[in-house]
Every structure is written in structure tokens, then in C-alpha cells.
């Protein structure tokens, strides 16, 4: 579950608590300086410039060690750099500073799942999802489902995905996971329903078209399966189809 944001960044030069301009230096507090460096660090992180992001975020945490967001983003940065122990330290610091922040709970829960502590990670993810101030609880439910699937606990996986759909009936990440889970469970008719809802909610993806083709093949509907394969070829022309066509044919046997 990963979203891309566009950041417009203005150049800010920080030195000893001052921002220099052409006319005169403007005094700012260390708190303001920390927040400015946090914003720059996040922007660099989104761009993929991890070296610059590290410089700004580490400067921010020195300027204000009690800023939860800086700690959380440092955790994310260290995780991307493979510095797992330092990432855990920063995530824990963020939670100490903001123990009920649902975004931090969701982020740390995902980290625990990725590092093998799945059951513990799910606990944090569900805390995030059930927090009444969280504006996107469906994302935490889907993260919990993906984490549970890796245990594997397929019953819990489906439960969390359906909870996500109760929040947003057309949440595409949940629909995709449920379509795949249904197909693997030998329920192609249910897969078809999730594929249709996914396509009603937005544009097609390679994965959903392949699931649609597989489901129709298992249902014995060769014409509908071929229609999905044609869409796949037309909308995603760079994909290699030989293996996909063999798979679809095998599903129909």
C-alpha cells in the first residue's frame, strides 16, 4: 500500500537558527528550523535522494528531538537504507512521542510485518485502523490483511479486507487482494464480482485483467477470458503474454 505525492520545494538555507535572505537575516526558532528541515527531508525522500533526505532529517532531529514526524520519517529512511536497528529505534521514538497517532501506528505496524514480526505488526495496524481520528482506516486494514496473509492466516486476511470494504466499498487495494484470495480459494464467481467492482471504481491494471481472465477460464467462459486477454494486450502492450495465455488455458481445463 504506496502513494505518490508531488512536492513543491522552496530553497531554505538554515544556519544557526537563521534563514538568510538577500536583504537581511530572519530570526527563526529552533522549532521552526526543525520543521523546515523536516519538510525538506520529506521532499528529498519522495524524490529518492536519500543522502540529502538523511542530512535534512538528521539535522531536524537535532534541532527538535521531540518532533514525532521527524522520528517517523527517519525510521522510514533508515529502513530504506537497510539500517533496520536504527529504523526501529526511530519508529519507537515516534510512538513514545505520539503513542496514539494512527499514521505512526500504521507505519510502525507495517515495518514490523516487513521485518518478520507479523503478529505484533498486526496489533499496531489494527490499533491504527480502529482509531476514530484516522481518516483512512481502510489502508491499515489492507496492510493488516497483507501481513496476515504472510503468516499465513487466510481467515484473518479476508476478515481485514472485508473490514476495509465496509469503510470504502470501492477501495481498489482491498478489491484486488480479495479477487486474488478468492481465486486461490477456488471461488472464481466471487473473483468475478470483485474484478467487476474494481473496474467500476477506476481504470484497469495488469493484475486485475489477469485475474479476470483466470476467473472466466475457471468458470468455463472462454469468450470472456479471451476478452480480458485482449484488453491486457491492448492496454499493456509491453507485457509478455505467452506465459499468461498458458496459465489462462490451464485454468480452463
Protein backbone atom coordinates (compact mmCIF):
# COMPACT_ATOMS: atom_id res chain seq x y z
CA UNK A 1 0.00 0.00 0.00
CA UNK A 2 2.32 3.05 -1.58
CA UNK A 3 1.02 6.65 -2.64
CA UNK A 4 2.97 9.15 -4.76
CA UNK A 5 2.80 12.84 -3.88
CA UNK A 6 4.08 15.86 -5.74
CA UNK A 7 6.04 18.26 -3.54
CA UNK A 8 6.89 21.83 -4.49
CA UNK A 9 10.01 22.74 -2.55
CA UNK A 10 11.38 26.19 -1.90
CA UNK A 11 15.06 26.59 -1.16
CA UNK A 12 15.62 27.26 2.53
CA UNK A 13 19.11 27.77 3.93
CA UNK A 14 19.42 27.22 7.66
CA UNK A 15 22.40 28.32 9.69
CA UNK A 16 22.47 28.63 13.47
CA UNK A 17 18.74 29.25 13.68
CA UNK A 18 18.63 31.90 10.94
CA UNK A 19 17.27 31.94 7.39
CA UNK A 20 19.38 34.15 5.15
CA UNK A 21 17.78 36.37 2.50
CA UNK A 22 19.30 38.93 0.18
CA UNK A 23 18.13 41.81 2.35
CA UNK A 24 18.53 40.69 5.94
CA UNK A 25 18.67 37.56 8.11
CA UNK A 26 15.33 36.46 9.55
CA UNK A 27 15.48 35.05 13.04
CA UNK A 28 13.62 31.76 13.46
CA UNK A 29 13.25 29.44 16.40
CA UNK A 30 14.92 26.06 16.53
CA UNK A 31 11.43 24.54 16.36
CA UNK A 32 10.75 26.36 13.09
CA UNK A 33 14.14 25.36 11.74
CA UNK A 34 13.43 21.73 12.64
CA UNK A 35 10.12 21.82 10.81
CA UNK A 36 11.68 23.42 7.76
CA UNK A 37 14.34 20.71 7.62
CA UNK A 38 11.65 18.08 8.13
CA UNK A 39 9.76 19.38 5.10
CA UNK A 40 12.91 19.40 3.02
CA UNK A 41 13.85 15.92 4.21
CA UNK A 42 10.43 14.55 3.27
CA UNK A 43 10.66 16.18 -0.15
CA UNK A 44 14.08 14.65 -0.80
CA UNK A 45 12.81 11.29 0.44
CA UNK A 46 9.93 11.41 -2.02
CA UNK A 47 12.36 12.24 -4.83
CA UNK A 48 14.56 9.29 -3.88
CA UNK A 49 17.51 11.46 -2.89
CA UNK A 50 18.26 9.52 0.29
CA UNK A 51 21.58 11.23 1.02
CA UNK A 52 20.01 14.70 1.07
CA UNK A 53 16.99 13.40 2.96
CA UNK A 54 19.25 11.95 5.63
CA UNK A 55 21.12 15.22 6.04
CA UNK A 56 17.93 17.24 6.49
CA UNK A 57 16.09 14.79 8.71
CA UNK A 58 19.06 14.20 10.99
CA UNK A 59 19.52 17.97 11.30
CA UNK A 60 15.82 18.29 12.15
CA UNK A 61 16.01 15.73 14.93
CA UNK A 62 19.00 17.54 16.46
CA UNK A 63 17.11 20.83 16.35
CA UNK A 64 13.96 19.32 17.87
CA UNK A 65 14.29 15.78 19.27
CA UNK A 66 10.63 15.84 20.35
CA UNK A 67 9.10 16.15 16.87
CA UNK A 68 7.30 12.82 16.19
CA UNK A 69 7.06 13.25 12.43
CA UNK A 70 10.83 13.62 12.07
CA UNK A 71 11.38 10.43 14.02
CA UNK A 72 8.86 8.56 11.87
CA UNK A 73 10.38 9.74 8.60
CA UNK A 74 13.87 8.94 9.85
CA UNK A 75 12.62 5.44 10.60
CA UNK A 76 11.35 5.16 7.04
CA UNK A 77 14.62 6.49 5.66
CA UNK A 78 16.77 4.13 7.70
CA UNK A 79 14.55 1.23 6.68
CA UNK A 80 15.09 2.07 3.02
CA UNK A 81 18.82 2.20 3.65
CA UNK A 82 18.73 -1.23 5.26
CA UNK A 83 19.61 0.12 8.70
CA UNK A 84 16.89 -1.89 10.40
CA UNK A 85 18.02 -1.44 14.00
CA UNK A 86 18.21 2.36 13.67
CA UNK A 87 14.85 2.36 11.90
CA UNK A 88 13.26 0.51 14.79
CA UNK A 89 14.79 2.98 17.26
CA UNK A 90 13.34 5.95 15.41
CA UNK A 91 9.90 4.38 14.96
CA UNK A 92 9.79 3.62 18.68
CA UNK A 93 10.81 7.18 19.49
CA UNK A 94 7.97 8.46 17.29
CA UNK A 95 5.50 6.24 19.15
CA UNK A 96 6.82 7.38 22.52
CA UNK A 97 6.19 10.96 21.49
CA UNK A 98 2.81 10.29 19.85
CA UNK A 99 1.51 6.91 21.09
CA UNK A 100 -1.99 7.35 19.64
CA UNK A 101 -1.06 8.82 16.26
CA UNK A 102 -2.73 6.43 13.77
CA UNK A 103 -0.33 7.24 10.93
CA UNK A 104 2.67 6.35 13.08
CA UNK A 105 0.91 3.22 14.36
CA UNK A 106 0.23 2.18 10.77
CA UNK A 107 3.80 2.90 9.68
CA UNK A 108 5.37 1.00 12.56
CA UNK A 109 2.98 -1.91 12.15
CA UNK A 110 3.99 -2.22 8.52
CA UNK A 111 7.66 -2.12 9.50
CA UNK A 112 7.16 -4.96 11.98
CA UNK A 113 5.40 -7.03 9.33
CA UNK A 114 8.21 -6.45 6.86
CA UNK A 115 10.81 -7.49 9.42
CA UNK A 116 9.08 -10.74 10.35
CA UNK A 117 7.16 -9.71 13.47
CA UNK A 118 3.81 -10.16 11.77
CA UNK A 119 1.51 -10.80 14.74
CA UNK A 120 2.90 -7.84 16.63
CA UNK A 121 2.71 -5.71 13.49
CA UNK A 122 -0.97 -6.58 13.02
CA UNK A 123 -1.69 -5.38 16.56
CA UNK A 124 -0.35 -1.92 15.70
CA UNK A 125 -2.15 -1.87 12.36
CA UNK A 126 -5.49 -2.69 13.94
CA UNK A 127 -4.94 0.00 16.59
CA UNK A 128 -4.43 2.45 13.74
CA UNK A 129 -7.50 1.26 11.84
CA UNK A 130 -9.73 1.46 14.90
CA UNK A 131 -8.59 4.94 15.88
CA UNK A 132 -11.62 7.21 15.32
CA UNK A 133 -9.48 10.13 14.16
CA UNK A 134 -7.78 8.14 11.38
CA UNK A 135 -9.05 9.42 8.06
CA UNK A 136 -8.01 6.35 6.03
CA UNK A 137 -8.55 3.27 8.23
CA UNK A 138 -9.06 1.14 5.12
CA UNK A 139 -5.33 1.40 4.37
CA UNK A 140 -4.41 -0.01 7.78
CA UNK A 141 -6.91 -2.86 7.36
CA UNK A 142 -5.42 -3.79 3.99
CA UNK A 143 -1.90 -3.64 5.47
CA UNK A 144 -3.07 -5.95 8.27
CA UNK A 145 -4.55 -8.32 5.68
CA UNK A 146 -1.33 -8.48 3.67
CA UNK A 147 0.59 -9.07 6.88
CA UNK A 148 -1.79 -11.86 7.96
CA UNK A 149 -1.55 -13.49 4.55
CA UNK A 150 2.18 -13.88 5.06
CA UNK A 151 1.72 -15.88 8.29
CA UNK A 152 -0.38 -17.42 6.58
CA UNK A 153 -3.75 -16.75 8.24
CA UNK A 154 -6.19 -16.60 5.35
CA UNK A 155 -9.26 -16.28 7.55
CA UNK A 156 -7.87 -13.15 9.21
CA UNK A 157 -6.73 -11.88 5.82
CA UNK A 158 -10.26 -11.98 4.43
CA UNK A 159 -11.73 -10.51 7.61
CA UNK A 160 -9.45 -7.45 7.45
CA UNK A 161 -10.08 -6.96 3.74
CA UNK A 162 -13.84 -7.01 4.26
CA UNK A 163 -13.47 -4.50 7.08
CA UNK A 164 -11.63 -2.25 4.63
CA UNK A 165 -14.55 -2.54 2.22
CA UNK A 166 -17.01 -1.66 4.96
CA UNK A 167 -15.15 1.65 5.26
CA UNK A 168 -14.91 2.13 1.49
CA UNK A 169 -16.85 -0.38 -0.68
CA UNK A 170 -14.77 0.54 -3.73
CA UNK A 171 -11.32 0.61 -2.15
CA UNK A 172 -9.32 -0.86 -5.00
CA UNK A 173 -6.43 -2.26 -2.96
CA UNK A 174 -8.88 -4.37 -0.94
CA UNK A 175 -10.81 -5.44 -4.03
CA UNK A 176 -7.64 -6.59 -5.76
CA UNK A 177 -6.50 -8.61 -2.74
CA UNK A 178 -9.94 -10.19 -2.33
CA UNK A 179 -10.12 -11.07 -6.02
CA UNK A 180 -6.79 -12.86 -5.79
CA UNK A 181 -7.65 -14.53 -2.49
CA UNK A 182 -10.98 -15.77 -3.88
CA UNK A 183 -9.35 -17.21 -6.99
CA UNK A 184 -6.74 -19.03 -4.93
CA UNK A 185 -9.54 -20.39 -2.76
CA UNK A 186 -11.36 -21.87 -5.73
CA UNK A 187 -14.12 -19.25 -5.82
CA UNK A 188 -13.95 -17.83 -9.37
CA UNK A 189 -17.52 -16.49 -9.28
CA UNK A 190 -16.61 -14.37 -6.28
CA UNK A 191 -13.43 -13.30 -8.05
CA UNK A 192 -15.53 -12.10 -10.99
CA UNK A 193 -17.60 -9.92 -8.64
CA UNK A 194 -14.53 -8.29 -7.12
CA UNK A 195 -12.98 -7.74 -10.56
CA UNK A 196 -16.17 -6.02 -11.74
CA UNK A 197 -16.24 -3.73 -8.70
CA UNK A 198 -12.56 -2.90 -9.17
CA UNK A 199 -13.16 -1.92 -12.80
CA UNK A 200 -16.24 0.11 -11.82
CA UNK A 201 -14.06 2.11 -9.42
CA UNK A 202 -11.33 3.12 -11.87
CA UNK A 203 -9.01 2.11 -14.70
CA UNK A 204 -7.83 -1.43 -15.26
CA UNK A 205 -4.48 -2.77 -14.11
CA UNK A 206 -2.48 -5.70 -15.44
CA UNK A 207 -3.16 -7.74 -12.31
CA UNK A 208 -6.92 -7.25 -12.31
CA UNK A 209 -7.24 -8.12 -16.01
CA UNK A 210 -5.23 -11.28 -15.50
CA UNK A 211 -7.40 -12.24 -12.53
CA UNK A 212 -10.48 -11.59 -14.62
CA UNK A 213 -9.16 -13.82 -17.40
CA UNK A 214 -8.26 -16.60 -14.96
CA UNK A 215 -11.65 -16.44 -13.23
CA UNK A 216 -13.56 -16.64 -16.52
CA UNK A 217 -11.37 -19.51 -17.69
CA UNK A 218 -12.13 -21.44 -14.49
CA UNK A 219 -15.83 -20.74 -14.99
CA UNK A 220 -15.61 -22.18 -18.47
CA UNK A 221 -16.34 -18.86 -20.18
CA UNK A 222 -13.70 -18.90 -22.90
CA UNK A 223 -15.09 -15.87 -24.71
CA UNK A 224 -14.97 -13.66 -21.63
CA UNK A 225 -11.48 -14.93 -20.76
CA UNK A 226 -10.31 -14.07 -24.28
CA UNK A 227 -11.83 -10.60 -23.95
CA UNK A 228 -9.79 -9.97 -20.81
CA UNK A 229 -6.65 -11.20 -22.55
CA UNK A 230 -7.33 -8.88 -25.46
CA UNK A 231 -7.70 -5.92 -23.11
CA UNK A 232 -4.48 -6.93 -21.41
CA UNK A 233 -2.65 -6.96 -24.73
CA UNK A 234 -4.15 -3.66 -25.92
CA UNK A 235 -3.79 -1.69 -22.67
CA UNK A 236 -0.45 -3.10 -21.58
CA UNK A 237 1.40 -3.88 -24.81
CA UNK A 238 4.80 -4.28 -23.15
CA UNK A 239 3.71 -7.33 -21.20
CA UNK A 240 4.83 -10.82 -22.24
CA UNK A 241 1.70 -12.88 -22.91
CA UNK A 242 2.94 -16.36 -23.64
CA UNK A 243 3.07 -17.44 -20.00
CA UNK A 244 -0.18 -15.63 -19.18
CA UNK A 245 -2.02 -17.35 -22.03
CA UNK A 246 -0.70 -20.77 -20.94
CA UNK A 247 -1.84 -20.06 -17.39
CA UNK A 248 -5.29 -18.97 -18.53
CA UNK A 249 -5.64 -22.06 -20.71
CA UNK A 250 -4.59 -24.30 -17.82
CA UNK A 251 -7.18 -22.70 -15.55
CA UNK A 252 -9.87 -23.52 -18.07
CA UNK A 253 -9.05 -27.23 -18.25
